[in-house]
Amino acid sequence: GHHVDAHGLSIWIPYRSTEYRDSYETTRFAQDTSWDEFLQAANLI
Protein backbone atom coordinates (compact mmCIF):
# COMPACT_ATOMS: atom_id res chain seq x y z
CA GLY A 1 0.00 0.00 0.00
CA HIS A 2 0.87 3.63 -0.35
CA HIS A 3 0.99 5.81 2.74
CA VAL A 4 1.57 9.53 2.39
CA ASP A 5 4.60 10.75 4.36
CA ALA A 6 5.61 7.22 5.41
CA HIS A 7 9.39 7.01 5.39
CA GLY A 8 10.35 3.98 7.43
CA LEU A 9 9.57 0.62 8.85
CA SER A 10 8.02 -0.34 12.14
CA ILE A 11 8.30 -3.81 13.62
CA TRP A 12 6.15 -4.88 16.54
CA ILE A 13 7.63 -6.94 19.36
CA PRO A 14 5.04 -8.48 21.67
CA TYR A 15 5.14 -7.08 25.20
CA ARG A 16 3.88 -10.37 26.61
CA SER A 17 4.04 -13.84 25.13
CA THR A 18 0.23 -13.99 25.39
CA GLU A 19 0.03 -11.22 22.77
CA TYR A 20 1.79 -13.40 20.19
CA ARG A 21 -0.44 -15.25 17.72
CA ASP A 22 0.69 -18.51 16.11
CA SER A 23 -0.91 -17.40 12.85
CA TYR A 24 1.82 -14.74 12.61
CA GLU A 25 4.26 -17.51 11.63
CA THR A 26 2.48 -17.91 8.29
CA THR A 27 2.90 -14.26 7.27
CA ARG A 28 5.24 -13.59 4.40
CA PHE A 29 7.38 -11.28 6.55
CA ALA A 30 7.92 -13.99 9.16
CA GLN A 31 8.69 -16.59 6.50
CA ASP A 32 11.07 -14.34 4.54
CA THR A 33 12.99 -12.95 7.53
CA SER A 34 12.73 -15.64 10.24
CA TRP A 35 11.55 -12.88 12.59
CA ASP A 36 9.41 -15.33 14.56
CA GLU A 37 12.44 -17.56 15.11
CA PHE A 38 14.34 -14.52 16.40
CA LEU A 39 11.55 -13.74 18.86
CA GLN A 40 11.63 -17.34 20.08
CA ALA A 41 15.44 -17.44 20.34
CA ALA A 42 15.48 -14.13 22.23
CA ASN A 43 12.88 -15.62 24.60
CA LEU A 44 10.46 -12.81 23.73
CA ILE A 45 7.57 -15.16 23.00
PDB file of N, CA and C in Angstrom:
ATOM      1  N   GLY A   1       0.798  -1.175   0.000  1.00  0.00           N
ATOM      2  CA  GLY A   1       0.000   0.000   0.000  1.00  0.00           C
ATOM      3  C   GLY A   1       0.850   1.251   0.000  1.00  0.00           C
ATOM      4  N   HIS A   2       0.220   2.331  -0.307  1.00  0.00           N
ATOM      5  CA  HIS A   2       0.874   3.633  -0.353  1.00  0.00           C
ATOM      6  C   HIS A   2       0.394   4.463   0.829  1.00  0.00           C
ATOM      7  N   HIS A   3       1.328   4.974   1.591  1.00  0.00           N
ATOM      8  CA  HIS A   3       0.988   5.806   2.743  1.00  0.00           C
ATOM      9  C   HIS A   3       1.734   7.129   2.619  1.00  0.00           C
ATOM     10  N   VAL A   4       0.988   8.199   2.534  1.00  0.00           N
ATOM     11  CA  VAL A   4       1.566   9.529   2.393  1.00  0.00           C
ATOM     12  C   VAL A   4       2.455   9.830   3.601  1.00  0.00           C
ATOM     13  N   ASP A   5       3.630  10.351   3.329  1.00  0.00           N
ATOM     14  CA  ASP A   5       4.597  10.748   4.359  1.00  0.00           C
ATOM     15  C   ASP A   5       5.144   9.590   5.192  1.00  0.00           C
ATOM     16  N   ALA A   6       4.997   8.368   4.726  1.00  0.00           N
ATOM     17  CA  ALA A   6       5.609   7.225   5.410  1.00  0.00           C
ATOM     18  C   ALA A   6       7.036   7.074   4.891  1.00  0.00           C
ATOM     19  N   HIS A   7       7.989   7.035   5.801  1.00  0.00           N
ATOM     20  CA  HIS A   7       9.392   7.014   5.394  1.00  0.00           C
ATOM     21  C   HIS A   7      10.208   5.961   6.142  1.00  0.00           C
ATOM     22  N   GLY A   8       9.586   4.949   6.661  1.00  0.00           N
ATOM     23  CA  GLY A   8      10.354   3.976   7.428  1.00  0.00           C
ATOM     24  C   GLY A   8       9.604   2.688   7.636  1.00  0.00           C
ATOM     25  N   LEU A   9      10.106   1.942   8.552  1.00  0.00           N
ATOM     26  CA  LEU A   9       9.571   0.624   8.851  1.00  0.00           C
ATOM     27  C   LEU A   9       9.372   0.511  10.347  1.00  0.00           C
ATOM     28  N   SER A  10       8.290  -0.097  10.738  1.00  0.00           N
ATOM     29  CA  SER A  10       8.019  -0.335  12.145  1.00  0.00           C
ATOM     30  C   SER A  10       7.796  -1.827  12.341  1.00  0.00           C
ATOM     31  N   ILE A  11       8.454  -2.389  13.332  1.00  0.00           N
ATOM     32  CA  ILE A  11       8.296  -3.812  13.625  1.00  0.00           C
ATOM     33  C   ILE A  11       7.813  -3.947  15.058  1.00  0.00           C
ATOM     34  N   TRP A  12       6.747  -4.685  15.228  1.00  0.00           N
ATOM     35  CA  TRP A  12       6.147  -4.875  16.539  1.00  0.00           C
ATOM     36  C   TRP A  12       6.789  -6.049  17.253  1.00  0.00           C
ATOM     37  N   ILE A  13       7.153  -5.853  18.507  1.00  0.00           N
ATOM     38  CA  ILE A  13       7.632  -6.935  19.363  1.00  0.00           C
ATOM     39  C   ILE A  13       6.599  -7.092  20.473  1.00  0.00           C
ATOM     40  N   PRO A  14       6.068  -8.291  20.642  1.00  0.00           N
ATOM     41  CA  PRO A  14       5.037  -8.482  21.666  1.00  0.00           C
ATOM     42  C   PRO A  14       5.570  -8.162  23.063  1.00  0.00           C
ATOM     43  N   TYR A  15       4.774  -7.434  23.832  1.00  0.00           N
ATOM     44  CA  TYR A  15       5.143  -7.079  25.201  1.00  0.00           C
ATOM     45  C   TYR A  15       5.068  -8.300  26.111  1.00  0.00           C
ATOM     46  N   ARG A  16       4.064  -9.128  25.854  1.00  0.00           N
ATOM     47  CA  ARG A  16       3.876 -10.370  26.610  1.00  0.00           C
ATOM     48  C   ARG A  16       3.734 -11.516  25.626  1.00  0.00           C
ATOM     49  N   SER A  17       4.150 -12.687  26.025  1.00  0.00           N
ATOM     50  CA  SER A  17       4.035 -13.843  25.131  1.00  0.00           C
ATOM     51  C   SER A  17       2.581 -14.141  24.794  1.00  0.00           C
ATOM     52  N   THR A  18       1.652 -13.743  25.658  1.00  0.00           N
ATOM     53  CA  THR A  18       0.231 -13.990  25.391  1.00  0.00           C
ATOM     54  C   THR A  18      -0.293 -13.127  24.247  1.00  0.00           C
ATOM     55  N   GLU A  19       0.446 -12.078  23.879  1.00  0.00           N
ATOM     56  CA  GLU A  19       0.032 -11.222  22.767  1.00  0.00           C
ATOM     57  C   GLU A  19       0.432 -11.799  21.416  1.00  0.00           C
ATOM     58  N   TYR A  20       1.306 -12.785  21.430  1.00  0.00           N
ATOM     59  CA  TYR A  20       1.787 -13.403  20.192  1.00  0.00           C
ATOM     60  C   TYR A  20       0.740 -14.366  19.660  1.00  0.00           C
ATOM     61  N   ARG A  21       0.513 -14.347  18.365  1.00  0.00           N
ATOM     62  CA  ARG A  21      -0.444 -15.246  17.717  1.00  0.00           C
ATOM     63  C   ARG A  21       0.312 -16.211  16.817  1.00  0.00           C
ATOM     64  N   ASP A  22       0.024 -17.497  16.939  1.00  0.00           N
ATOM     65  CA  ASP A  22       0.691 -18.509  16.115  1.00  0.00           C
ATOM     66  C   ASP A  22       0.489 -18.254  14.627  1.00  0.00           C
ATOM     67  N   SER A  23      -0.633 -17.655  14.262  1.00  0.00           N
ATOM     68  CA  SER A  23      -0.907 -17.395  12.849  1.00  0.00           C
ATOM     69  C   SER A  23       0.106 -16.421  12.250  1.00  0.00           C
ATOM     70  N   TYR A  24       0.795 -15.659  13.088  1.00  0.00           N
ATOM     71  CA  TYR A  24       1.824 -14.735  12.608  1.00  0.00           C
ATOM     72  C   TYR A  24       2.918 -15.478  11.844  1.00  0.00           C
ATOM     73  N   GLU A  25       3.195 -16.725  12.246  1.00  0.00           N
ATOM     74  CA  GLU A  25       4.262 -17.508  11.632  1.00  0.00           C
ATOM     75  C   GLU A  25       4.025 -17.775  10.154  1.00  0.00           C
ATOM     76  N   THR A  26       2.790 -17.653   9.699  1.00  0.00           N
ATOM     77  CA  THR A  26       2.475 -17.911   8.294  1.00  0.00           C
ATOM     78  C   THR A  26       2.510 -16.642   7.440  1.00  0.00           C
ATOM     79  N   THR A  27       2.811 -15.488   8.062  1.00  0.00           N
ATOM     80  CA  THR A  27       2.897 -14.261   7.268  1.00  0.00           C
ATOM     81  C   THR A  27       4.147 -14.289   6.405  1.00  0.00           C
ATOM     82  N   ARG A  28       4.090 -13.609   5.302  1.00  0.00           N
ATOM     83  CA  ARG A  28       5.239 -13.588   4.396  1.00  0.00           C
ATOM     84  C   ARG A  28       6.468 -12.967   5.066  1.00  0.00           C
ATOM     85  N   PHE A  29       6.252 -11.917   5.854  1.00  0.00           N
ATOM     86  CA  PHE A  29       7.377 -11.283   6.547  1.00  0.00           C
ATOM     87  C   PHE A  29       8.080 -12.276   7.462  1.00  0.00           C
ATOM     88  N   ALA A  30       7.323 -13.013   8.244  1.00  0.00           N
ATOM     89  CA  ALA A  30       7.925 -13.993   9.156  1.00  0.00           C
ATOM     90  C   ALA A  30       8.642 -15.091   8.385  1.00  0.00           C
ATOM     91  N   GLN A  31       8.061 -15.531   7.295  1.00  0.00           N
ATOM     92  CA  GLN A  31       8.686 -16.587   6.498  1.00  0.00           C
ATOM     93  C   GLN A  31       9.951 -16.095   5.802  1.00  0.00           C
ATOM     94  N   ASP A  32       9.930 -14.875   5.289  1.00  0.00           N
ATOM     95  CA  ASP A  32      11.074 -14.345   4.541  1.00  0.00           C
ATOM     96  C   ASP A  32      12.234 -13.911   5.434  1.00  0.00           C
ATOM     97  N   THR A  33      11.948 -13.523   6.678  1.00  0.00           N
ATOM     98  CA  THR A  33      12.988 -12.951   7.531  1.00  0.00           C
ATOM     99  C   THR A  33      13.328 -13.792   8.751  1.00  0.00           C
ATOM    100  N   SER A  34      12.548 -14.816   9.033  1.00  0.00           N
ATOM    101  CA  SER A  34      12.726 -15.640  10.241  1.00  0.00           C
ATOM    102  C   SER A  34      12.557 -14.812  11.517  1.00  0.00           C
ATOM    103  N   TRP A  35      11.764 -13.740  11.434  1.00  0.00           N
ATOM    104  CA  TRP A  35      11.553 -12.877  12.587  1.00  0.00           C
ATOM    105  C   TRP A  35      10.939 -13.643  13.750  1.00  0.00           C
ATOM    106  N   ASP A  36      10.022 -14.557  13.480  1.00  0.00           N
ATOM    107  CA  ASP A  36       9.405 -15.328  14.558  1.00  0.00           C
ATOM    108  C   ASP A  36      10.427 -16.221  15.251  1.00  0.00           C
ATOM    109  N   GLU A  37      11.379 -16.764  14.501  1.00  0.00           N
ATOM    110  CA  GLU A  37      12.439 -17.559  15.109  1.00  0.00           C
ATOM    111  C   GLU A  37      13.327 -16.688  15.998  1.00  0.00           C
ATOM    112  N   PHE A  38      13.573 -15.450  15.569  1.00  0.00           N
ATOM    113  CA  PHE A  38      14.341 -14.522  16.400  1.00  0.00           C
ATOM    114  C   PHE A  38      13.620 -14.261  17.716  1.00  0.00           C
ATOM    115  N   LEU A  39      12.314 -13.996  17.644  1.00  0.00           N
ATOM    116  CA  LEU A  39      11.550 -13.740  18.863  1.00  0.00           C
ATOM    117  C   LEU A  39      11.612 -14.932  19.807  1.00  0.00           C
ATOM    118  N   GLN A  40      11.540 -16.138  19.251  1.00  0.00           N
ATOM    119  CA  GLN A  40      11.628 -17.344  20.075  1.00  0.00           C
ATOM    120  C   GLN A  40      13.028 -17.484  20.672  1.00  0.00           C
ATOM    121  N   ALA A  41      14.068 -17.295  19.868  1.00  0.00           N
ATOM    122  CA  ALA A  41      15.445 -17.440  20.344  1.00  0.00           C
ATOM    123  C   ALA A  41      15.789 -16.394  21.406  1.00  0.00           C
ATOM    124  N   ALA A  42      15.234 -15.203  21.266  1.00  0.00           N
ATOM    125  CA  ALA A  42      15.483 -14.132  22.228  1.00  0.00           C
ATOM    126  C   ALA A  42      14.583 -14.267  23.453  1.00  0.00           C
ATOM    127  N   ASN A  43      13.798 -15.330  23.488  1.00  0.00           N
ATOM    128  CA  ASN A  43      12.878 -15.615  24.595  1.00  0.00           C
ATOM    129  C   ASN A  43      11.871 -14.488  24.796  1.00  0.00           C
ATOM    130  N   LEU A  44      11.442 -13.891  23.683  1.00  0.00           N
ATOM    131  CA  LEU A  44      10.460 -12.814  23.735  1.00  0.00           C
ATOM    132  C   LEU A  44       9.038 -13.320  23.566  1.00  0.00           C
ATOM    133  N   ILE A  45       8.907 -14.569  23.129  1.00  0.00           N
ATOM    134  CA  ILE A  45       7.574 -15.158  22.999  1.00  0.00           C
ATOM    135  C   ILE A  45       7.575 -16.527  23.622  1.00  0.00           C
TER     136      ILE A  45
END
